[in-house]
């Protein structure tokens, strides 16, 4: 089970890096954190409710991000269901 958790954590770090560095997201978000790294000053609960990443935009609004990592292919239909 720890191996799966390690993969999930590594994937979350990749997503955070992408949200911080990909030009379109960099313009949108001022900062991005893995949930357990969010500063207490933002008063965001660390309770596991499915949120993995928090992104703060330049207006101070927060966006919750849930990451999913799958082995193999994922259908477009499945992705659309998640949206």
PDB file of N, CA and C in Angstrom:
ATOM      1  N   UNK A   1       0.817  -1.213   0.000  1.00  0.00           N
ATOM      2  CA  UNK A   1       0.000   0.000   0.000  1.00  0.00           C
ATOM      3  C   UNK A   1       0.855   1.270   0.000  1.00  0.00           C
ATOM      4  N   UNK A   2       2.000   1.249   0.682  1.00  0.00           N
ATOM      5  CA  UNK A   2       2.878   2.417   0.705  1.00  0.00           C
ATOM      6  C   UNK A   2       3.398   2.759  -0.686  1.00  0.00           C
ATOM      7  N   UNK A   3       3.631   1.729  -1.503  1.00  0.00           N
ATOM      8  CA  UNK A   3       4.112   1.949  -2.866  1.00  0.00           C
ATOM      9  C   UNK A   3       3.082   2.752  -3.671  1.00  0.00           C
ATOM     10  N   UNK A   4       1.807   2.413  -3.514  1.00  0.00           N
ATOM     11  CA  UNK A   4       0.749   3.137  -4.219  1.00  0.00           C
ATOM     12  C   UNK A   4       0.666   4.575  -3.709  1.00  0.00           C
ATOM     13  N   UNK A   5       0.811   4.755  -2.393  1.00  0.00           N
ATOM     14  CA  UNK A   5       0.781   6.102  -1.807  1.00  0.00           C
ATOM     15  C   UNK A   5       1.962   6.927  -2.326  1.00  0.00           C
ATOM     16  N   UNK A   6       3.140   6.290  -2.438  1.00  0.00           N
ATOM     17  CA  UNK A   6       4.318   6.978  -2.970  1.00  0.00           C
ATOM     18  C   UNK A   6       4.091   7.423  -4.408  1.00  0.00           C
ATOM     19  N   UNK A   7       3.447   6.577  -5.212  1.00  0.00           N
ATOM     20  CA  UNK A   7       3.140   6.933  -6.608  1.00  0.00           C
ATOM     21  C   UNK A   7       2.182   8.116  -6.651  1.00  0.00           C
ATOM     22  N   UNK A   8       1.166   8.086  -5.790  1.00  0.00           N
ATOM     23  CA  UNK A   8       0.173   9.165  -5.751  1.00  0.00           C
ATOM     24  C   UNK A   8       0.841  10.477  -5.350  1.00  0.00           C
ATOM     25  N   UNK A   9       1.701  10.431  -4.333  1.00  0.00           N
ATOM     26  CA  UNK A   9       2.401  11.636  -3.887  1.00  0.00           C
ATOM     27  C   UNK A   9       3.300  12.184  -4.992  1.00  0.00           C
ATOM     28  N   UNK A  10       4.016  11.308  -5.675  1.00  0.00           N
ATOM     29  CA  UNK A  10       4.881  11.736  -6.780  1.00  0.00           C
ATOM     30  C   UNK A  10       4.045  12.379  -7.888  1.00  0.00           C
ATOM     31  N   UNK A  11       2.896  11.787  -8.202  1.00  0.00           N
ATOM     32  CA  UNK A  11       2.016  12.338  -9.231  1.00  0.00           C
ATOM     33  C   UNK A  11       1.489  13.714  -8.807  1.00  0.00           C
ATOM     34  N   UNK A  12       1.105  13.861  -7.536  1.00  0.00           N
ATOM     35  CA  UNK A  12       0.632  15.156  -7.041  1.00  0.00           C
ATOM     36  C   UNK A  12       1.716  16.217  -7.206  1.00  0.00           C
ATOM     37  N   UNK A  13       2.965  15.863  -6.939  1.00  0.00           N
ATOM     38  CA  UNK A  13       4.066  16.811  -7.097  1.00  0.00           C
ATOM     39  C   UNK A  13       4.242  17.211  -8.558  1.00  0.00           C
ATOM     40  N   UNK A  14       4.046  16.269  -9.464  1.00  0.00           N
ATOM     41  CA  UNK A  14       4.120  16.576 -10.900  1.00  0.00           C
ATOM     42  C   UNK A  14       3.007  17.547 -11.287  1.00  0.00           C
ATOM     43  N   UNK A  15       1.797  17.311 -10.790  1.00  0.00           N
ATOM     44  CA  UNK A  15       0.662  18.188 -11.106  1.00  0.00           C
ATOM     45  C   UNK A  15       0.912  19.592 -10.543  1.00  0.00           C
ATOM     46  N   UNK A  16       1.405  19.675  -9.307  1.00  0.00           N
ATOM     47  CA  UNK A  16       1.714  20.985  -8.716  1.00  0.00           C
ATOM     48  C   UNK A  16       2.748  21.713  -9.579  1.00  0.00           C
ATOM     49  N   UNK A  17       3.798  21.019  -9.978  1.00  0.00           N
ATOM     50  CA  UNK A  17       4.832  21.631 -10.819  1.00  0.00           C
ATOM     51  C   UNK A  17       4.240  22.120 -12.142  1.00  0.00           C
ATOM     52  N   UNK A  18       3.349  21.333 -12.721  1.00  0.00           N
ATOM     53  CA  UNK A  18       2.717  21.726 -13.978  1.00  0.00           C
ATOM     54  C   UNK A  18       1.847  22.965 -13.780  1.00  0.00           C
ATOM     55  N   UNK A  19       1.058  22.982 -12.699  1.00  0.00           N
ATOM     56  CA  UNK A  19       0.190  24.135 -12.446  1.00  0.00           C
ATOM     57  C   UNK A  19       0.998  25.395 -12.148  1.00  0.00           C
ATOM     58  N   UNK A  20       2.180  25.239 -11.577  1.00  0.00           N
ATOM     59  CA  UNK A  20       3.028  26.396 -11.276  1.00  0.00           C
ATOM     60  C   UNK A  20       3.805  26.890 -12.495  1.00  0.00           C
ATOM     61  N   UNK A  21       4.062  26.012 -13.463  1.00  0.00           N
ATOM     62  CA  UNK A  21       4.989  26.359 -14.545  1.00  0.00           C
ATOM     63  C   UNK A  21       4.400  26.408 -15.946  1.00  0.00           C
ATOM     64  N   UNK A  22       3.311  25.705 -16.201  1.00  0.00           N
ATOM     65  CA  UNK A  22       2.694  25.722 -17.531  1.00  0.00           C
ATOM     66  C   UNK A  22       2.116  27.123 -17.725  1.00  0.00           C
ATOM     67  N   UNK A  23       2.449  27.808 -18.822  1.00  0.00           N
ATOM     68  CA  UNK A  23       2.094  29.221 -18.985  1.00  0.00           C
ATOM     69  C   UNK A  23       0.629  29.581 -18.710  1.00  0.00           C
ATOM     70  N   UNK A  24      -0.318  28.816 -19.195  1.00  0.00           N
ATOM     71  CA  UNK A  24      -1.731  29.174 -18.986  1.00  0.00           C
ATOM     72  C   UNK A  24      -2.102  29.127 -17.506  1.00  0.00           C
ATOM     73  N   UNK A  25      -1.609  28.120 -16.797  1.00  0.00           N
ATOM     74  CA  UNK A  25      -1.917  28.006 -15.368  1.00  0.00           C
ATOM     75  C   UNK A  25      -1.106  29.001 -14.550  1.00  0.00           C
ATOM     76  N   UNK A  26       0.112  29.268 -14.966  1.00  0.00           N
ATOM     77  CA  UNK A  26       0.966  30.227 -14.265  1.00  0.00           C
ATOM     78  C   UNK A  26       0.322  31.615 -14.272  1.00  0.00           C
ATOM     79  N   UNK A  27      -0.366  31.943 -15.363  1.00  0.00           N
ATOM     80  CA  UNK A  27      -1.080  33.219 -15.446  1.00  0.00           C
ATOM     81  C   UNK A  27      -2.297  33.237 -14.532  1.00  0.00           C
ATOM     82  N   UNK A  28      -2.892  32.069 -14.302  1.00  0.00           N
ATOM     83  CA  UNK A  28      -4.125  31.970 -13.510  1.00  0.00           C
ATOM     84  C   UNK A  28      -3.863  31.862 -12.009  1.00  0.00           C
ATOM     85  N   UNK A  29      -2.849  31.067 -11.627  1.00  0.00           N
ATOM     86  CA  UNK A  29      -2.625  30.785 -10.212  1.00  0.00           C
ATOM     87  C   UNK A  29      -1.367  31.460  -9.681  1.00  0.00           C
ATOM     88  N   UNK A  30      -1.527  32.133  -8.567  1.00  0.00           N
ATOM     89  CA  UNK A  30      -0.401  32.776  -7.893  1.00  0.00           C
ATOM     90  C   UNK A  30       0.444  31.742  -7.145  1.00  0.00           C
ATOM     91  N   UNK A  31      -0.220  30.760  -6.547  1.00  0.00           N
ATOM     92  CA  UNK A  31       0.506  29.711  -5.837  1.00  0.00           C
ATOM     93  C   UNK A  31      -0.300  28.416  -5.847  1.00  0.00           C
ATOM     94  N   UNK A  32       0.415  27.304  -5.699  1.00  0.00           N
ATOM     95  CA  UNK A  32      -0.202  25.975  -5.736  1.00  0.00           C
ATOM     96  C   UNK A  32       0.511  25.105  -4.707  1.00  0.00           C
ATOM     97  N   UNK A  33      -0.267  24.344  -3.934  1.00  0.00           N
ATOM     98  CA  UNK A  33       0.309  23.488  -2.900  1.00  0.00           C
ATOM     99  C   UNK A  33      -0.363  22.116  -2.878  1.00  0.00           C
ATOM    100  N   UNK A  34       0.383  21.111  -2.455  1.00  0.00           N
ATOM    101  CA  UNK A  34      -0.232  19.847  -2.038  1.00  0.00           C
ATOM    102  C   UNK A  34      -0.952  20.177  -0.738  1.00  0.00           C
ATOM    103  N   UNK A  35      -2.103  19.588  -0.510  1.00  0.00           N
ATOM    104  CA  UNK A  35      -2.970  19.975   0.604  1.00  0.00           C
ATOM    105  C   UNK A  35      -2.227  20.089   1.929  1.00  0.00           C
ATOM    106  N   UNK A  36      -1.393  19.117   2.266  1.00  0.00           N
ATOM    107  CA  UNK A  36      -0.755  19.158   3.591  1.00  0.00           C
ATOM    108  C   UNK A  36       0.325  20.234   3.690  1.00  0.00           C
ATOM    109  N   UNK A  37       0.620  20.932   2.597  1.00  0.00           N
ATOM    110  CA  UNK A  37       1.609  22.008   2.602  1.00  0.00           C
ATOM    111  C   UNK A  37       0.988  23.405   2.631  1.00  0.00           C
ATOM    112  N   UNK A  38      -0.347  23.474   2.611  1.00  0.00           N
ATOM    113  CA  UNK A  38      -1.022  24.777   2.623  1.00  0.00           C
ATOM    114  C   UNK A  38      -0.813  25.434   3.981  1.00  0.00           C
ATOM    115  N   UNK A  39      -0.419  26.691   3.964  1.00  0.00           N
ATOM    116  CA  UNK A  39      -0.183  27.442   5.195  1.00  0.00           C
ATOM    117  C   UNK A  39      -1.465  27.548   6.021  1.00  0.00           C
ATOM    118  N   UNK A  40      -1.317  27.495   7.335  1.00  0.00           N
ATOM    119  CA  UNK A  40      -2.458  27.603   8.256  1.00  0.00           C
ATOM    120  C   UNK A  40      -3.176  28.947   8.101  1.00  0.00           C
ATOM    121  N   UNK A  41      -2.476  29.966   7.597  1.00  0.00           N
ATOM    122  CA  UNK A  41      -3.101  31.288   7.446  1.00  0.00           C
ATOM    123  C   UNK A  41      -4.291  31.264   6.489  1.00  0.00           C
ATOM    124  N   UNK A  42      -4.355  30.257   5.615  1.00  0.00           N
ATOM    125  CA  UNK A  42      -5.478  30.158   4.681  1.00  0.00           C
ATOM    126  C   UNK A  42      -6.671  29.428   5.280  1.00  0.00           C
ATOM    127  N   UNK A  43      -6.514  28.871   6.449  1.00  0.00           N
ATOM    128  CA  UNK A  43      -7.584  28.180   7.193  1.00  0.00           C
ATOM    129  C   UNK A  43      -8.291  27.132   6.329  1.00  0.00           C
ATOM    130  N   UNK A  44      -7.511  26.333   5.628  1.00  0.00           N
ATOM    131  CA  UNK A  44      -8.044  25.245   4.806  1.00  0.00           C
ATOM    132  C   UNK A  44      -7.829  23.940   5.553  1.00  0.00           C
ATOM    133  N   UNK A  45      -8.896  23.213   5.745  1.00  0.00           N
ATOM    134  CA  UNK A  45      -8.833  21.955   6.486  1.00  0.00           C
ATOM    135  C   UNK A  45      -7.926  20.952   5.791  1.00  0.00           C
ATOM    136  N   UNK A  46      -7.163  20.227   6.583  1.00  0.00           N
ATOM    137  CA  UNK A  46      -6.291  19.176   6.051  1.00  0.00           C
ATOM    138  C   UNK A  46      -7.004  17.819   6.085  1.00  0.00           C
ATOM    139  N   UNK A  47      -8.259  17.812   6.516  1.00  0.00           N
ATOM    140  CA  UNK A  47      -9.050  16.579   6.573  1.00  0.00           C
ATOM    141  C   UNK A  47      -9.200  16.006   5.161  1.00  0.00           C
ATOM    142  N   UNK A  48      -9.113  14.691   5.052  1.00  0.00           N
ATOM    143  CA  UNK A  48      -9.200  14.028   3.745  1.00  0.00           C
ATOM    144  C   UNK A  48     -10.643  14.036   3.243  1.00  0.00           C
ATOM    145  N   UNK A  49     -10.917  14.975   2.346  1.00  0.00           N
ATOM    146  CA  UNK A  49     -12.244  15.071   1.727  1.00  0.00           C
ATOM    147  C   UNK A  49     -12.157  14.860   0.222  1.00  0.00           C
ATOM    148  N   UNK A  50     -10.992  14.395  -0.239  1.00  0.00           N
ATOM    149  CA  UNK A  50     -10.796  14.173  -1.668  1.00  0.00           C
ATOM    150  C   UNK A  50      -9.959  15.246  -2.329  1.00  0.00           C
ATOM    151  N   UNK A  51      -9.692  16.346  -1.624  1.00  0.00           N
ATOM    152  CA  UNK A  51      -8.861  17.413  -2.180  1.00  0.00           C
ATOM    153  C   UNK A  51      -7.403  17.024  -2.009  1.00  0.00           C
ATOM    154  N   UNK A  52      -6.643  17.091  -3.089  1.00  0.00           N
ATOM    155  CA  UNK A  52      -5.225  16.750  -3.049  1.00  0.00           C
ATOM    156  C   UNK A  52      -4.333  17.975  -3.183  1.00  0.00           C
ATOM    157  N   UNK A  53      -4.816  18.952  -3.934  1.00  0.00           N
ATOM    158  CA  UNK A  53      -4.020  20.140  -4.268  1.00  0.00           C
ATOM    159  C   UNK A  53      -4.916  21.370  -4.117  1.00  0.00           C
ATOM    160  N   UNK A  54      -4.323  22.470  -3.662  1.00  0.00           N
ATOM    161  CA  UNK A  54      -5.039  23.739  -3.574  1.00  0.00           C
ATOM    162  C   UNK A  54      -4.259  24.765  -4.393  1.00  0.00           C
ATOM    163  N   UNK A  55      -4.982  25.478  -5.247  1.00  0.00           N
ATOM    164  CA  UNK A  55      -4.374  26.528  -6.062  1.00  0.00           C
ATOM    165  C   UNK A  55      -5.043  27.854  -5.714  1.00  0.00           C
ATOM    166  N   UNK A  56      -4.236  28.892  -5.490  1.00  0.00           N
ATOM    167  CA  UNK A  56      -4.765  30.212  -5.158  1.00  0.00           C
ATOM    168  C   UNK A  56      -4.547  31.127  -6.353  1.00  0.00           C
ATOM    169  N   UNK A  57      -5.625  31.758  -6.811  1.00  0.00           N
ATOM    170  CA  UNK A  57      -5.477  32.657  -7.955  1.00  0.00           C
ATOM    171  C   UNK A  57      -5.045  34.048  -7.492  1.00  0.00           C
ATOM    172  N   UNK A  58      -4.835  34.932  -8.422  1.00  0.00           N
ATOM    173  CA  UNK A  58      -4.328  36.262  -8.112  1.00  0.00           C
ATOM    174  C   UNK A  58      -5.350  37.156  -7.419  1.00  0.00           C
ATOM    175  N   UNK A  59      -6.620  36.734  -7.395  1.00  0.00           N
ATOM    176  CA  UNK A  59      -7.663  37.470  -6.671  1.00  0.00           C
ATOM    177  C   UNK A  59      -7.852  36.926  -5.262  1.00  0.00           C
ATOM    178  N   UNK A  60      -7.089  35.881  -4.901  1.00  0.00           N
ATOM    179  CA  UNK A  60      -7.196  35.305  -3.564  1.00  0.00           C
ATOM    180  C   UNK A  60      -8.178  34.154  -3.450  1.00  0.00           C
ATOM    181  N   UNK A  61      -8.791  33.771  -4.567  1.00  0.00           N
ATOM    182  CA  UNK A  61      -9.728  32.641  -4.554  1.00  0.00           C
ATOM    183  C   UNK A  61      -8.962  31.330  -4.615  1.00  0.00           C
ATOM    184  N   UNK A  62      -9.496  30.321  -3.942  1.00  0.00           N
ATOM    185  CA  UNK A  62      -8.863  29.007  -3.933  1.00  0.00           C
ATOM    186  C   UNK A  62      -9.619  28.035  -4.824  1.00  0.00           C
ATOM    187  N   UNK A  63      -8.872  27.152  -5.463  1.00  0.00           N
ATOM    188  CA  UNK A  63      -9.438  26.085  -6.283  1.00  0.00           C
ATOM    189  C   UNK A  63      -8.938  24.763  -5.723  1.00  0.00           C
ATOM    190  N   UNK A  64      -9.874  23.852  -5.464  1.00  0.00           N
ATOM    191  CA  UNK A  64      -9.530  22.517  -4.981  1.00  0.00           C
ATOM    192  C   UNK A  64      -9.325  21.597  -6.183  1.00  0.00           C
ATOM    193  N   UNK A  65      -8.281  20.789  -6.122  1.00  0.00           N
ATOM    194  CA  UNK A  65      -7.965  19.869  -7.214  1.00  0.00           C
ATOM    195  C   UNK A  65      -7.876  18.462  -6.646  1.00  0.00           C
ATOM    196  N   UNK A  66      -8.555  17.537  -7.297  1.00  0.00           N
ATOM    197  CA  UNK A  66      -8.432  16.134  -6.929  1.00  0.00           C
ATOM    198  C   UNK A  66      -7.670  15.432  -8.034  1.00  0.00           C
ATOM    199  N   UNK A  67      -6.587  14.758  -7.680  1.00  0.00           N
ATOM    200  CA  UNK A  67      -5.799  14.055  -8.685  1.00  0.00           C
ATOM    201  C   UNK A  67      -6.187  12.586  -8.707  1.00  0.00           C
ATOM    202  N   UNK A  68      -6.035  11.999  -9.861  1.00  0.00           N
ATOM    203  CA  UNK A  68      -6.273  10.566 -10.036  1.00  0.00           C
ATOM    204  C   UNK A  68      -5.140  10.019 -10.882  1.00  0.00           C
ATOM    205  N   UNK A  69      -4.599   8.908 -10.471  1.00  0.00           N
ATOM    206  CA  UNK A  69      -3.561   8.251 -11.245  1.00  0.00           C
ATOM    207  C   UNK A  69      -4.058   6.849 -11.578  1.00  0.00           C
ATOM    208  N   UNK A  70      -4.010   6.510 -12.858  1.00  0.00           N
ATOM    209  CA  UNK A  70      -4.505   5.229 -13.335  1.00  0.00           C
ATOM    210  C   UNK A  70      -3.409   4.487 -14.078  1.00  0.00           C
ATOM    211  N   UNK A  71      -3.449   3.193 -13.980  1.00  0.00           N
ATOM    212  CA  UNK A  71      -2.551   2.349 -14.755  1.00  0.00           C
ATOM    213  C   UNK A  71      -3.283   1.995 -16.043  1.00  0.00           C
ATOM    214  N   UNK A  72      -2.655   2.207 -17.171  1.00  0.00           N
ATOM    215  CA  UNK A  72      -3.288   1.883 -18.443  1.00  0.00           C
ATOM    216  C   UNK A  72      -4.052   3.068 -19.012  1.00  0.00           C
ATOM    217  N   UNK A  73      -4.885   2.781 -19.978  1.00  0.00           N
ATOM    218  CA  UNK A  73      -5.640   3.813 -20.675  1.00  0.00           C
ATOM    219  C   UNK A  73      -6.919   4.162 -19.932  1.00  0.00           C
ATOM    220  N   UNK A  74      -7.337   5.412 -20.091  1.00  0.00           N
ATOM    221  CA  UNK A  74      -8.595   5.897 -19.526  1.00  0.00           C
ATOM    222  C   UNK A  74      -9.409   6.455 -20.683  1.00  0.00           C
ATOM    223  N   UNK A  75     -10.658   6.057 -20.760  1.00  0.00           N
ATOM    224  CA  UNK A  75     -11.494   6.496 -21.879  1.00  0.00           C
ATOM    225  C   UNK A  75     -11.933   7.947 -21.717  1.00  0.00           C
ATOM    226  N   UNK A  76     -12.201   8.583 -22.831  1.00  0.00           N
ATOM    227  CA  UNK A  76     -12.738   9.945 -22.830  1.00  0.00           C
ATOM    228  C   UNK A  76     -14.070   9.970 -22.094  1.00  0.00           C
ATOM    229  N   UNK A  77     -14.865   8.946 -22.261  1.00  0.00           N
ATOM    230  CA  UNK A  77     -16.167   8.866 -21.582  1.00  0.00           C
ATOM    231  C   UNK A  77     -15.980   8.959 -20.072  1.00  0.00           C
ATOM    232  N   UNK A  78     -14.985   8.247 -19.548  1.00  0.00           N
ATOM    233  CA  UNK A  78     -14.712   8.288 -18.107  1.00  0.00           C
ATOM    234  C   UNK A  78     -14.311   9.682 -17.672  1.00  0.00           C
ATOM    235  N   UNK A  79     -13.456  10.341 -18.446  1.00  0.00           N
ATOM    236  CA  UNK A  79     -13.021  11.690 -18.105  1.00  0.00           C
ATOM    237  C   UNK A  79     -14.206  12.633 -18.102  1.00  0.00           C
ATOM    238  N   UNK A  80     -15.087  12.530 -19.069  1.00  0.00           N
ATOM    239  CA  UNK A  80     -16.271  13.395 -19.144  1.00  0.00           C
ATOM    240  C   UNK A  80     -17.205  13.182 -17.953  1.00  0.00           C
ATOM    241  N   UNK A  81     -17.286  11.952 -17.468  1.00  0.00           N
ATOM    242  CA  UNK A  81     -18.100  11.669 -16.274  1.00  0.00           C
ATOM    243  C   UNK A  81     -17.542  12.428 -15.075  1.00  0.00           C
ATOM    244  N   UNK A  82     -16.224  12.500 -14.969  1.00  0.00           N
ATOM    245  CA  UNK A  82     -15.604  13.210 -13.851  1.00  0.00           C
ATOM    246  C   UNK A  82     -15.861  14.701 -13.893  1.00  0.00           C
ATOM    247  N   UNK A  83     -16.020  15.232 -15.084  1.00  0.00           N
ATOM    248  CA  UNK A  83     -16.273  16.670 -15.216  1.00  0.00           C
ATOM    249  C   UNK A  83     -17.693  16.970 -14.864  1.00  0.00           C
TER     250      UNK A  83
END
